[in-house]
N, C-alpha and C. Protein backbone atom coordinates (compact mmCIF):
# COMPACT_ATOMS: atom_id res chain seq x y z
N MET A 1 58.66 209.66 17.29
CA MET A 1 57.54 209.75 18.32
C MET A 1 58.22 209.95 19.68
N THR A 2 57.70 210.86 20.34
CA THR A 2 58.32 211.25 21.64
C THR A 2 57.76 210.27 22.71
N THR A 3 58.52 210.26 23.84
CA THR A 3 58.21 209.28 24.93
C THR A 3 56.69 209.60 25.41
N THR A 4 56.45 210.95 25.57
CA THR A 4 55.18 211.29 26.01
C THR A 4 54.01 210.77 25.03
N ALA A 5 54.19 210.96 23.74
CA ALA A 5 53.34 210.38 22.79
C ALA A 5 53.07 208.94 22.87
N ARG A 6 54.17 208.19 23.00
CA ARG A 6 54.14 206.80 23.16
C ARG A 6 53.40 206.34 24.49
N LEU A 7 53.55 207.02 25.55
CA LEU A 7 52.89 206.80 26.82
C LEU A 7 51.44 207.15 26.70
N ARG A 8 51.10 208.24 26.00
CA ARG A 8 49.71 208.56 25.78
C ARG A 8 48.98 207.45 24.99
N ASN A 9 49.57 206.98 23.92
CA ASN A 9 49.06 205.95 23.09
C ASN A 9 48.86 204.59 23.92
N ALA A 10 49.82 204.34 24.76
CA ALA A 10 49.64 203.13 25.53
C ALA A 10 48.44 203.24 26.44
N HIS A 11 48.35 204.36 27.19
CA HIS A 11 47.28 204.59 28.03
C HIS A 11 45.88 204.51 27.26
N GLN A 12 45.86 205.13 26.18
CA GLN A 12 44.58 205.10 25.39
C GLN A 12 44.30 203.72 24.84
N ALA A 13 45.27 202.87 24.55
CA ALA A 13 45.03 201.55 24.20
C ALA A 13 44.43 200.72 25.30
N VAL A 14 45.01 200.97 26.56
CA VAL A 14 44.42 200.14 27.70
C VAL A 14 43.12 200.68 27.96
N ALA A 15 42.82 202.01 28.00
CA ALA A 15 41.44 202.50 28.18
C ALA A 15 40.51 202.00 27.11
N ASP A 16 40.88 201.86 25.80
CA ASP A 16 39.94 201.39 24.88
C ASP A 16 39.63 199.84 25.06
N LYS A 17 40.64 199.19 25.48
CA LYS A 17 40.33 197.60 25.74
C LYS A 17 39.57 197.51 27.00
N ARG A 18 39.65 198.24 27.95
CA ARG A 18 38.84 198.14 29.16
C ARG A 18 37.31 198.62 28.77
N LYS A 19 37.12 199.63 28.01
CA LYS A 19 35.84 200.10 27.71
C LYS A 19 35.18 199.09 26.81
N ASP A 20 35.91 198.48 25.85
CA ASP A 20 35.30 197.35 25.05
C ASP A 20 34.91 196.10 25.83
N PHE A 21 35.73 195.79 26.75
CA PHE A 21 35.36 194.69 27.71
C PHE A 21 34.17 194.87 28.47
N HIS A 22 34.02 196.17 29.07
CA HIS A 22 32.85 196.53 29.82
C HIS A 22 31.56 196.49 28.96
N PHE A 23 31.78 196.92 27.87
CA PHE A 23 30.68 197.02 26.78
C PHE A 23 30.13 195.71 26.44
N LYS A 24 31.11 194.70 26.05
CA LYS A 24 30.80 193.41 25.70
C LYS A 24 30.12 192.67 26.90
N THR A 25 30.76 192.86 28.10
CA THR A 25 30.18 192.16 29.41
C THR A 25 28.72 192.57 29.61
N ALA A 26 28.57 193.91 29.72
CA ALA A 26 27.14 194.40 29.78
C ALA A 26 26.14 193.95 28.81
N ASN A 27 26.54 193.87 27.61
CA ASN A 27 25.66 193.49 26.59
C ASN A 27 25.26 191.94 26.78
N GLU A 28 26.43 191.18 27.07
CA GLU A 28 26.24 189.78 27.38
C GLU A 28 25.19 189.51 28.55
N LEU A 29 25.35 190.12 29.55
CA LEU A 29 24.52 190.15 30.81
C LEU A 29 23.10 190.55 30.38
N LEU A 30 22.84 191.65 29.66
CA LEU A 30 21.56 192.05 29.29
C LEU A 30 20.86 191.11 28.38
N LEU A 31 21.64 190.46 27.42
CA LEU A 31 20.98 189.45 26.63
C LEU A 31 20.56 188.16 27.37
N LYS A 32 21.17 187.92 28.45
CA LYS A 32 21.04 186.60 29.21
C LYS A 32 19.81 186.84 30.31
N ALA A 33 19.82 187.91 30.81
CA ALA A 33 19.00 188.31 31.91
C ALA A 33 17.54 188.51 31.50
N LYS A 34 16.59 188.10 32.48
CA LYS A 34 15.25 188.41 32.28
C LYS A 34 14.83 189.56 33.08
N VAL A 35 15.53 189.94 34.13
CA VAL A 35 15.37 191.03 34.91
C VAL A 35 16.49 191.78 35.25
N ILE A 36 16.53 193.04 35.14
CA ILE A 36 17.79 193.88 35.45
C ILE A 36 17.42 194.99 36.54
N ALA A 37 18.14 194.87 37.69
CA ALA A 37 17.67 195.81 38.73
C ALA A 37 18.88 196.70 39.05
N HIS A 38 18.69 197.93 39.50
CA HIS A 38 19.78 198.90 39.89
C HIS A 38 19.45 199.37 41.21
N VAL A 39 20.37 199.29 42.08
CA VAL A 39 20.17 199.90 43.46
C VAL A 39 20.98 200.95 43.67
N ASP A 40 20.55 202.15 44.10
CA ASP A 40 21.41 203.31 44.45
C ASP A 40 21.86 203.12 45.99
N ALA A 41 23.12 202.60 46.02
CA ALA A 41 23.55 202.24 47.46
C ALA A 41 23.60 203.48 48.32
N GLU A 42 23.97 204.61 47.78
CA GLU A 42 24.04 205.76 48.57
C GLU A 42 22.65 206.26 49.14
N ARG A 43 21.71 206.13 48.24
CA ARG A 43 20.36 206.37 48.78
C ARG A 43 19.84 205.52 49.82
N ARG A 44 20.23 204.20 49.65
CA ARG A 44 19.76 203.16 50.70
C ARG A 44 20.57 203.50 52.05
N ALA A 45 21.77 203.92 51.93
CA ALA A 45 22.57 204.24 53.11
C ALA A 45 22.18 205.56 53.78
N GLY A 46 21.24 206.25 53.15
CA GLY A 46 20.82 207.56 53.68
C GLY A 46 21.83 208.64 53.41
N GLY A 47 22.59 208.54 52.46
CA GLY A 47 23.70 209.54 52.15
C GLY A 47 24.90 209.41 53.10
N LYS A 48 25.08 208.37 53.79
CA LYS A 48 26.03 208.31 54.75
C LYS A 48 27.40 207.67 54.08
N LEU A 49 27.34 207.26 52.89
CA LEU A 49 28.58 206.75 52.21
C LEU A 49 29.64 207.80 51.97
N LYS A 50 30.83 207.49 52.18
CA LYS A 50 31.97 208.37 51.91
C LYS A 50 32.82 207.81 50.78
N TYR A 51 33.21 208.80 49.83
CA TYR A 51 33.88 208.37 48.68
C TYR A 51 35.39 208.73 48.77
């Protein structure tokens, strides 16, 4: 296995773990919450946010 392939696999493993963590955390929050609200911060700022 080349160095590039090993690096690609390592990055993919980290990405998969991060995605799994976010999925599990979001599901836990949704199961516990009675109300879920989403605020579009850019819309509230009148489009003045810079990224």
